[in-house]
C-alpha atoms as a PDB file:
ATOM      1  CA  MET A   1      39.424 178.566-163.150  1.00  0.00           C
ATOM      2  CA  ALA A   2      41.690 181.546-163.676  1.00  0.00           C
ATOM      3  CA  SER A   3      41.049 181.865-167.404  1.00  0.00           C
ATOM      4  CA  GLU A   4      37.970 179.732-168.051  1.00  0.00           C
ATOM      5  CA  LYS A   5      34.846 181.175-169.614  1.00  0.00           C
ATOM      6  CA  ILE A   6      31.723 181.328-167.460  1.00  0.00           C
ATOM      7  CA  PHE A   7      28.958 182.343-169.837  1.00  0.00           C
ATOM      8  CA  ASP A   8      27.754 180.807-173.096  1.00  0.00           C
ATOM      9  CA  PHE A   9      24.615 182.604-174.269  1.00  0.00           C
ATOM     10  CA  TYR A  10      21.742 181.725-176.581  1.00  0.00           C
ATOM     11  CA  ALA A  11      18.508 183.598-177.339  1.00  0.00           C
ATOM     12  CA  HIS A  12      15.816 183.329-174.678  1.00  0.00           C
ATOM     13  CA  PRO A  13      13.054 181.124-176.151  1.00  0.00           C
ATOM     14  CA  LEU A  14      10.229 183.423-174.971  1.00  0.00           C
ATOM     15  CA  PHE A  15      11.917 186.836-174.917  1.00  0.00           C
ATOM     16  CA  PRO A  16      14.607 186.828-177.637  1.00  0.00           C
ATOM     17  CA  ASP A  17      14.474 190.614-178.059  1.00  0.00           C
ATOM     18  CA  GLU A  18      15.153 191.210-174.370  1.00  0.00           C
ATOM     19  CA  TYR A  19      17.272 188.340-173.090  1.00  0.00           C
ATOM     20  CA  MET A  20      19.951 185.831-173.855  1.00  0.00           C
ATOM     21  CA  VAL A  21      20.392 182.911-171.458  1.00  0.00           C
ATOM     22  CA  CYS A  22      23.587 181.199-170.357  1.00  0.00           C
ATOM     23  CA  ARG A  23      23.658 177.484-171.129  1.00  0.00           C
ATOM     24  CA  ASN A  24      26.031 176.838-168.249  1.00  0.00           C
ATOM     25  CA  THR A  25      24.344 178.754-165.435  1.00  0.00           C
ATOM     26  CA  GLY A  26      20.922 180.079-166.460  1.00  0.00           C
ATOM     27  CA  THR A  27      22.093 183.686-166.072  1.00  0.00           C
ATOM     28  CA  PHE A  28      20.190 186.241-168.178  1.00  0.00           C
ATOM     29  CA  LEU A  29      21.905 188.900-170.301  1.00  0.00           C
ATOM     30  CA  TYR A  30      19.638 191.925-170.840  1.00  0.00           C
ATOM     31  CA  LEU A  31      20.050 193.032-174.444  1.00  0.00           C
ATOM     32  CA  LYS A  32      18.579 196.512-174.003  1.00  0.00           C
ATOM     33  CA  ALA A  33      20.896 197.589-171.185  1.00  0.00           C
ATOM     34  CA  ARG A  34      22.814 200.841-171.526  1.00  0.00           C
ATOM     35  CA  LYS A  35      25.638 202.408-169.567  1.00  0.00           C
ATOM     36  CA  ARG A  36      24.838 205.400-167.389  1.00  0.00           C
ATOM     37  CA  SER A  37      26.624 207.819-165.093  1.00  0.00           C
ATOM     38  CA  TYR A  38      26.434 207.206-161.361  1.00  0.00           C
ATOM     39  CA  ASN A  39      26.498 210.793-160.174  1.00  0.00           C
ATOM     40  CA  ALA A  40      24.612 212.732-157.505  1.00  0.00           C
ATOM     41  CA  ALA A  41      21.364 212.540-159.474  1.00  0.00           C
ATOM     42  CA  TYR A  42      21.409 208.750-159.162  1.00  0.00           C
ATOM     43  CA  PHE A  43      21.137 209.055-155.388  1.00  0.00           C
ATOM     44  CA  MET A  44      18.738 211.990-155.362  1.00  0.00           C
ATOM     45  CA  ALA A  45      16.100 212.366-158.103  1.00  0.00           C
ATOM     46  CA  ASP A  46      16.492 208.846-159.531  1.00  0.00           C
ATOM     47  CA  TYR A  47      16.411 207.216-156.103  1.00  0.00           C
ATOM     48  CA  LYS A  48      13.394 209.290-155.095  1.00  0.00           C
ATOM     49  CA  LYS A  49      11.536 208.299-158.244  1.00  0.00           C
ATOM     50  CA  GLN A  50      11.840 204.645-157.238  1.00  0.00           C
ATOM     51  CA  TYR A  51      11.590 204.832-153.438  1.00  0.00           C
ATOM     52  CA  LYS A  52       9.623 208.086-152.855  1.00  0.00           C
ATOM     53  CA  LYS A  53      12.536 209.615-150.961  1.00  0.00           C
ATOM     54  CA  THR A  54      16.157 210.433-151.708  1.00  0.00           C
ATOM     55  CA  TYR A  55      19.002 208.150-150.696  1.00  0.00           C
ATOM     56  CA  TYR A  56      19.896 210.467-147.825  1.00  0.00           C
ATOM     57  CA  GLU A  57      16.278 210.783-146.691  1.00  0.00           C
ATOM     58  CA  ASP A  58      16.283 206.981-146.538  1.00  0.00           C
ATOM     59  CA  GLU A  59      19.371 206.869-144.287  1.00  0.00           C
ATOM     60  CA  SER A  60      17.672 205.460-141.177  1.00  0.00           C
ATOM     61  CA  ASN A  61      16.149 202.591-143.164  1.00  0.00           C
ATOM     62  CA  LEU A  62      19.444 201.888-144.938  1.00  0.00           C
ATOM     63  CA  ARG A  63      21.302 201.772-141.625  1.00  0.00           C
ATOM     64  CA  MET A  64      18.692 199.384-140.197  1.00  0.00           C
ATOM     65  CA  LEU A  65      19.125 197.173-143.265  1.00  0.00           C
ATOM     66  CA  ALA A  66      22.894 197.365-142.795  1.00  0.00           C
ATOM     67  CA  ASN A  67      22.581 196.056-139.241  1.00  0.00           C
ATOM     68  CA  ASN A  68      20.300 193.257-140.389  1.00  0.00           C
ATOM     69  CA  ARG A  69      22.997 192.237-142.863  1.00  0.00           C
ATOM     70  CA  LEU A  70      25.690 192.384-140.196  1.00  0.00           C
ATOM     71  CA  ASP A  71      23.530 190.162-137.995  1.00  0.00           C
ATOM     72  CA  ILE A  72      23.473 187.625-140.841  1.00  0.00           C
ATOM     73  CA  LEU A  73      27.274 187.725-141.119  1.00  0.00           C
ATOM     74  CA  GLU A  74      27.680 187.129-137.408  1.00  0.00           C
ATOM     75  CA  LYS A  75      25.315 184.147-137.492  1.00  0.00           C
ATOM     76  CA  PHE A  76      27.866 182.454-139.727  1.00  0.00           C
ATOM     77  CA  SER A  77      30.769 183.047-137.356  1.00  0.00           C
ATOM     78  CA  ILE A  78      32.057 186.091-139.215  1.00  0.00           C
ATOM     79  CA  PRO A  79      32.988 188.083-136.117  1.00  0.00           C
ATOM     80  CA  PRO A  80      33.936 191.751-135.777  1.00  0.00           C
ATOM     81  CA  GLY A  81      37.610 192.416-136.481  1.00  0.00           C
ATOM     82  CA  LYS A  82      37.482 190.885-139.951  1.00  0.00           C
ATOM     83  CA  THR A  83      38.132 192.986-143.048  1.00  0.00           C
ATOM     84  CA  ILE A  84      35.222 194.076-145.241  1.00  0.00           C
ATOM     85  CA  LEU A  85      35.307 195.522-148.749  1.00  0.00           C
ATOM     86  CA  GLU A  86      32.030 196.922-150.034  1.00  0.00           C
ATOM     87  CA  ILE A  87      31.742 197.364-153.797  1.00  0.00           C
ATOM     88  CA  GLY A  88      29.471 200.269-154.662  1.00  0.00           C
ATOM     89  CA  CYS A  89      29.333 201.513-151.081  1.00  0.00           C
ATOM     90  CA  ALA A  90      27.583 204.836-151.904  1.00  0.00           C
ATOM     91  CA  ALA A  91      27.856 207.171-148.887  1.00  0.00           C
ATOM     92  CA  GLY A  92      29.041 204.341-146.646  1.00  0.00           C
ATOM     93  CA  PHE A  93      26.085 203.701-144.336  1.00  0.00           C
ATOM     94  CA  PHE A  94      26.720 199.936-144.300  1.00  0.00           C
ATOM     95  CA  LEU A  95      30.457 200.408-143.761  1.00  0.00           C
ATOM     96  CA  ASP A  96      29.842 202.892-140.969  1.00  0.00           C
ATOM     97  CA  GLU A  97      27.579 200.440-139.131  1.00  0.00           C
ATOM     98  CA  ALA A  98      30.141 197.658-139.657  1.00  0.00           C
ATOM     99  CA  ARG A  99      32.892 199.893-138.318  1.00  0.00           C
ATOM    100  CA  LYS A 100      30.825 200.550-135.175  1.00  0.00           C
ATOM    101  CA  ARG A 101      30.795 196.784-134.577  1.00  0.00           C
ATOM    102  CA  GLY A 102      34.579 196.549-134.909  1.00  0.00           C
ATOM    103  CA  TYR A 103      35.084 195.470-138.513  1.00  0.00           C
ATOM    104  CA  GLN A 104      37.969 196.889-140.553  1.00  0.00           C
ATOM    105  CA  VAL A 105      36.170 198.489-143.479  1.00  0.00           C
ATOM    106  CA  SER A 106      37.012 199.729-146.967  1.00  0.00           C
ATOM    107  CA  GLY A 107      34.860 200.670-149.932  1.00  0.00           C
ATOM    108  CA  ILE A 108      34.853 201.609-153.583  1.00  0.00           C
ATOM    109  CA  GLU A 109      32.303 203.913-155.206  1.00  0.00           C
ATOM    110  CA  PRO A 110      32.258 205.754-158.556  1.00  0.00           C
ATOM    111  CA  SER A 111      30.063 208.677-157.461  1.00  0.00           C
ATOM    112  CA  GLY A 112      32.201 211.622-156.334  1.00  0.00           C
ATOM    113  CA  SER A 113      29.538 213.183-154.085  1.00  0.00           C
ATOM    114  CA  GLU A 114      28.995 209.928-152.194  1.00  0.00           C
ATOM    115  CA  VAL A 115      32.742 209.340-151.839  1.00  0.00           C
ATOM    116  CA  ARG A 116      33.110 212.814-150.349  1.00  0.00           C
ATOM    117  CA  PHE A 117      30.361 212.085-147.825  1.00  0.00           C
ATOM    118  CA  ALA A 118      31.882 208.722-146.884  1.00  0.00           C
ATOM    119  CA  ARG A 119      35.296 210.285-146.387  1.00  0.00           C
ATOM    120  CA  SER A 120      33.768 213.107-144.333  1.00  0.00           C
ATOM    121  CA  ILE A 121      32.707 210.532-141.728  1.00  0.00           C
ATOM    122  CA  GLY A 122      36.166 208.965-141.728  1.00  0.00           C
ATOM    123  CA  LEU A 123      35.686 205.990-144.025  1.00  0.00           C
ATOM    124  CA  ASP A 124      38.370 204.582-146.324  1.00  0.00           C
ATOM    125  CA  VAL A 125      36.590 204.800-149.684  1.00  0.00           C
ATOM    126  CA  LYS A 126      38.228 204.919-153.117  1.00  0.00           C
ATOM    127  CA  LYS A 127      36.559 206.746-156.011  1.00  0.00           C
ATOM    128  CA  CYS A 128      36.643 204.190-158.809  1.00  0.00           C
ATOM    129  CA  PHE A 129      34.802 201.430-160.576  1.00  0.00           C
ATOM    130  CA  LEU A 130      35.533 197.818-159.689  1.00  0.00           C
ATOM    131  CA  ASN A 131      37.761 197.228-162.715  1.00  0.00           C
ATOM    132  CA  GLU A 132      39.897 200.229-161.676  1.00  0.00           C
ATOM    133  CA  TYR A 133      40.445 198.960-158.131  1.00  0.00           C
ATOM    134  CA  HIS A 134      43.799 197.274-157.556  1.00  0.00           C
ATOM    135  CA  THR A 135      45.367 196.218-154.289  1.00  0.00           C
ATOM    136  CA  ASP A 136      47.588 193.460-152.932  1.00  0.00           C
ATOM    137  CA  LYS A 137      45.209 193.139-149.989  1.00  0.00           C
ATOM    138  CA  LYS A 138      42.699 190.295-149.763  1.00  0.00           C
ATOM    139  CA  PHE A 139      39.515 190.581-147.744  1.00  0.00           C
ATOM    140  CA  ASP A 140      37.656 188.345-145.324  1.00  0.00           C
ATOM    141  CA  ILE A 141      34.301 189.634-146.563  1.00  0.00           C
ATOM    142  CA  ILE A 142      33.280 191.276-149.831  1.00  0.00           C
ATOM    143  CA  CYS A 143      29.818 192.804-150.107  1.00  0.00           C
ATOM    144  CA  ALA A 144      27.972 194.135-153.141  1.00  0.00           C
ATOM    145  CA  PHE A 145      24.357 195.143-152.622  1.00  0.00           C
ATOM    146  CA  PHE A 146      22.502 195.704-155.913  1.00  0.00           C
ATOM    147  CA  VAL A 147      25.736 196.408-157.755  1.00  0.00           C
ATOM    148  CA  ILE A 148      27.000 193.559-159.932  1.00  0.00           C
ATOM    149  CA  GLU A 149      23.953 193.586-162.207  1.00  0.00           C
ATOM    150  CA  HIS A 150      25.090 197.069-163.337  1.00  0.00           C
ATOM    151  CA  ILE A 151      28.451 195.800-164.618  1.00  0.00           C
ATOM    152  CA  GLN A 152      28.629 195.115-168.347  1.00  0.00           C
ATOM    153  CA  LYS A 153      31.849 193.077-168.259  1.00  0.00           C
ATOM    154  CA  GLN A 154      30.415 190.543-165.854  1.00  0.00           C
ATOM    155  CA  GLU A 155      32.957 187.747-166.249  1.00  0.00           C
ATOM    156  CA  GLU A 156      35.824 190.168-165.698  1.00  0.00           C
ATOM    157  CA  ALA A 157      34.085 191.544-162.598  1.00  0.00           C
ATOM    158  CA  LEU A 158      33.477 188.103-161.107  1.00  0.00           C
ATOM    159  CA  PHE A 159      37.083 187.019-161.592  1.00  0.00           C
ATOM    160  CA  HIS A 160      38.267 190.293-160.067  1.00  0.00           C
ATOM    161  CA  ILE A 161      36.002 189.903-157.028  1.00  0.00           C
ATOM    162  CA  ASN A 162      37.237 186.344-156.551  1.00  0.00           C
ATOM    163  CA  SER A 163      40.861 187.531-156.694  1.00  0.00           C
ATOM    164  CA  LEU A 164      40.181 190.008-153.870  1.00  0.00           C
ATOM    165  CA  LEU A 165      38.564 187.437-151.563  1.00  0.00           C
ATOM    166  CA  LYS A 166      40.597 185.345-149.146  1.00  0.00           C
ATOM    167  CA  GLU A 167      40.366 181.584-149.111  1.00  0.00           C
ATOM    168  CA  ASP A 168      37.518 180.829-146.690  1.00  0.00           C
ATOM    169  CA  GLY A 169      36.324 184.398-147.232  1.00  0.00           C
ATOM    170  CA  LEU A 170      32.651 185.281-147.601  1.00  0.00           C
ATOM    171  CA  LEU A 171      30.923 186.966-150.543  1.00  0.00           C
ATOM    172  CA  PHE A 172      27.614 188.639-149.653  1.00  0.00           C
ATOM    173  CA  LEU A 173      25.356 189.850-152.489  1.00  0.00           C
ATOM    174  CA  ALA A 174      21.931 191.407-152.896  1.00  0.00           C
ATOM    175  CA  LEU A 175      20.382 191.137-156.355  1.00  0.00           C
ATOM    176  CA  PRO A 176      17.157 191.574-158.298  1.00  0.00           C
ATOM    177  CA  SER A 177      15.677 188.195-159.174  1.00  0.00           C
ATOM    178  CA  VAL A 178      14.041 186.680-162.221  1.00  0.00           C
ATOM    179  CA  TYR A 179      12.734 184.010-159.839  1.00  0.00           C
ATOM    180  CA  GLY A 180      10.098 186.217-158.289  1.00  0.00           C
ATOM    181  CA  PRO A 181       6.485 187.251-158.784  1.00  0.00           C
ATOM    182  CA  SER A 182       7.134 190.057-161.258  1.00  0.00           C
ATOM    183  CA  PHE A 183       9.057 188.136-163.914  1.00  0.00           C
ATOM    184  CA  GLN A 184       7.448 184.766-163.249  1.00  0.00           C
ATOM    185  CA  THR A 185       3.811 185.931-163.340  1.00  0.00           C
ATOM    186  CA  ASN A 186       3.747 189.364-165.000  1.00  0.00           C
ATOM    187  CA  SER A 187       6.605 189.623-167.456  1.00  0.00           C
ATOM    188  CA  SER A 188       5.170 192.659-169.258  1.00  0.00           C
ATOM    189  CA  GLN A 189       5.283 194.654-166.032  1.00  0.00           C
ATOM    190  CA  TRP A 190       8.792 193.326-165.343  1.00  0.00           C
ATOM    191  CA  PHE A 191      10.071 194.701-168.629  1.00  0.00           C
ATOM    192  CA  ASN A 192       8.166 197.987-168.226  1.00  0.00           C
ATOM    193  CA  THR A 193      10.010 198.677-164.987  1.00  0.00           C
ATOM    194  CA  HIS A 194      13.333 196.970-165.731  1.00  0.00           C
ATOM    195  CA  PRO A 195      16.219 199.408-165.071  1.00  0.00           C
ATOM    196  CA  ASP A 196      17.989 200.221-168.322  1.00  0.00           C
ATOM    197  CA  ASP A 197      21.403 199.970-166.642  1.00  0.00           C
ATOM    198  CA  HIS A 198      21.002 196.353-165.474  1.00  0.00           C
ATOM    199  CA  PHE A 199      23.078 194.238-167.851  1.00  0.00           C
ATOM    200  CA  PHE A 200      22.597 190.891-166.084  1.00  0.00           C
ATOM    201  CA  ASP A 201      19.725 189.270-164.231  1.00  0.00           C
ATOM    202  CA  TYR A 202      20.125 186.332-161.895  1.00  0.00           C
ATOM    203  CA  SER A 203      17.950 183.885-160.041  1.00  0.00           C
ATOM    204  CA  PRO A 204      19.095 182.243-156.801  1.00  0.00           C
ATOM    205  CA  ALA A 205      19.822 179.078-158.802  1.00  0.00           C
ATOM    206  CA  SER A 206      21.862 180.819-161.492  1.00  0.00           C
ATOM    207  CA  ILE A 207      24.056 182.849-159.138  1.00  0.00           C
ATOM    208  CA  GLU A 208      24.593 179.704-157.055  1.00  0.00           C
ATOM    209  CA  LYS A 209      25.892 177.937-160.176  1.00  0.00           C
ATOM    210  CA  VAL A 210      28.149 180.879-161.019  1.00  0.00           C
ATOM    211  CA  LEU A 211      29.609 181.056-157.516  1.00  0.00           C
ATOM    212  CA  GLY A 212      30.058 177.298-157.512  1.00  0.00           C
ATOM    213  CA  LEU A 213      32.448 177.661-160.454  1.00  0.00           C
ATOM    214  CA  PHE A 214      34.692 179.643-158.104  1.00  0.00           C
ATOM    215  CA  GLY A 215      34.508 177.007-155.402  1.00  0.00           C
ATOM    216  CA  MET A 216      32.007 178.940-153.302  1.00  0.00           C
ATOM    217  CA  LYS A 217      29.451 177.150-151.155  1.00  0.00           C
ATOM    218  CA  ILE A 218      26.165 178.850-150.358  1.00  0.00           C
ATOM    219  CA  LEU A 219      25.610 179.518-146.657  1.00  0.00           C
ATOM    220  CA  TYR A 220      22.562 181.753-146.856  1.00  0.00           C
ATOM    221  CA  LYS A 221      19.893 182.746-149.374  1.00  0.00           C
ATOM    222  CA  ARG A 222      16.605 184.462-148.692  1.00  0.00           C
ATOM    223  CA  PRO A 223      14.212 186.817-150.459  1.00  0.00           C
ATOM    224  CA  LEU A 224      14.808 190.430-149.526  1.00  0.00           C
ATOM    225  CA  SER A 225      11.271 191.419-150.473  1.00  0.00           C
ATOM    226  CA  TYR A 226       7.828 189.829-150.355  1.00  0.00           C
ATOM    227  CA  HIS A 227       5.225 191.111-152.800  1.00  0.00           C
ATOM    228  CA  GLN A 228       2.244 188.814-152.787  1.00  0.00           C
ATOM    229  CA  VAL A 229       0.176 191.552-154.432  1.00  0.00           C
ATOM    230  CA  ARG A 230       2.449 191.354-157.504  1.00  0.00           C
ATOM    231  CA  ASP A 231       2.027 187.607-157.780  1.00  0.00           C
ATOM    232  CA  LEU A 232      -0.712 186.978-160.330  1.00  0.00           C
ATOM    233  CA  ARG A 233      -0.411 183.242-159.697  1.00  0.00           C
ATOM    234  CA  TRP A 234      -1.066 183.352-155.953  1.00  0.00           C
ATOM    235  CA  ARG A 235      -2.706 186.724-155.308  1.00  0.00           C
ATOM    236  CA  GLY A 236      -5.882 186.124-153.333  1.00  0.00           C
ATOM    237  CA  LYS A 237      -5.336 182.359-153.189  1.00  0.00           C
ATOM    238  CA  LEU A 238      -3.374 182.057-149.936  1.00  0.00           C
ATOM    239  CA  PRO A 239      -4.783 183.002-146.519  1.00  0.00           C
ATOM    240  CA  GLY A 240      -2.829 185.977-145.193  1.00  0.00           C
ATOM    241  CA  LYS A 241       0.789 186.871-145.775  1.00  0.00           C
ATOM    242  CA  SER A 242       2.527 184.447-143.409  1.00  0.00           C
ATOM    243  CA  LEU A 243       2.060 181.323-145.558  1.00  0.00           C
ATOM    244  CA  TYR A 244       3.235 183.177-148.672  1.00  0.00           C
ATOM    245  CA  LYS A 245       6.320 184.401-146.802  1.00  0.00           C
ATOM    246  CA  THR A 246       7.070 180.896-145.499  1.00  0.00           C
ATOM    247  CA  LEU A 247       6.849 179.399-148.979  1.00  0.00           C
ATOM    248  CA  ALA A 248       8.928 182.246-150.429  1.00  0.00           C
ATOM    249  CA  ASP A 249      11.643 181.703-147.816  1.00  0.00           C
ATOM    250  CA  MET A 250      11.738 177.970-148.540  1.00  0.00           C
ATOM    251  CA  THR A 251      12.308 178.531-152.260  1.00  0.00           C
ATOM    252  CA  CYS A 252      14.021 181.966-152.202  1.00  0.00           C
ATOM    253  CA  TYR A 253      11.147 183.320-154.281  1.00  0.00           C
ATOM    254  CA  GLY A 254      11.113 187.113-154.491  1.00  0.00           C
ATOM    255  CA  ASP A 255      11.781 190.053-156.758  1.00  0.00           C
ATOM    256  CA  THR A 256      14.994 190.666-154.799  1.00  0.00           C
ATOM    257  CA  PHE A 257      17.153 188.346-152.723  1.00  0.00           C
ATOM    258  CA  GLN A 258      20.338 188.092-150.690  1.00  0.00           C
ATOM    259  CA  ILE A 259      22.911 185.332-150.913  1.00  0.00           C
ATOM    260  CA  ALA A 260      26.113 184.637-148.975  1.00  0.00           C
ATOM    261  CA  ALA A 261      28.744 182.148-150.104  1.00  0.00           C
ATOM    262  CA  LYS A 262      31.995 180.931-148.569  1.00  0.00           C
ATOM    263  CA  LYS A 263      35.044 180.485-150.755  1.00  0.00           C
ATOM    264  CA  HIS A 264      36.943 177.187-150.632  1.00  0.00           C
ATOM    265  CA  LYS A 265      39.888 175.886-152.570  1.00  0.00           C
ATOM    266  CA  ILE A 266      38.785 173.930-155.641  1.00  0.00           C
END
C-alpha cells in the first residue's frame, strides 16, 4: 500500500469540537492539538508536573520498564543480536538496557540535551525528527513509546516507519488509549487533562486496523496502566483489584497500552 490513503475523517458524533474519527480504522484526530518544542523543559519541568519527578529522577523506574519491554520481545523469539531503532529515544535508557542484553541499538530524538546525554553513554542517537531520518538500513525491531501520537503528519510517519522495518520485523508501540476508564467513563476529565501536543488518539482496535493495512499481525497487546479508581462505571463495584486487572487484560482496557505487531508480506 505504498501510496494508499489510510485515514478518512468525519466529525465525532458526540465530540465534534474535539475529535474527528476515521471511517476506515476508528482512529481519532484531536482538533485542538498544537505543535510544541521538545527541549530540555519537556523532560524536566513538564515531566515533573505530570509524574511528580523529572525524567532523570525517574531513571530507575524507566530502566525497569525498559527491561520489562525487553522481556516481552524475548518471549516472542526476538533474541539479542537483532537491530533495534527507537523513535523518540530521549536520553536512551531503553536503548542502553537493550545494548546490555546484546542488541544492536540506534535511536532518533529531537531534543538536543537528551541526545547529548545518550551520546555521552556511547549510544548511536541522531538528533532529528522521524521525517528527517533517512537511512538505507532496515531494522529487526522498531520501538516508539508514547511518540507517534505527537506526530501531526501521521500517515507520512506510518509509511516511513513501515519502510524502515524489515519483512518479519517487529513494531512495538506504547500509546494513550481512548478505550480506557478516563475517556469511556469520564470524558470531561479526559479532555481537561488531554495533552495539547497529541494529534492522534488510538484504541487497541483502531491501531490494530491501521497496522493490519501494512500487513502486520498483532502478537501482543496489554494495558500499561490500571486505574480502577478512574473508572466511574466499575469503581466500587468489583471486589478488589485483581478481577478488574484480569478483565482489563482480556480486553486491553486501560488509559495506556502496549502493542507489538509482526510485519508480513501482503
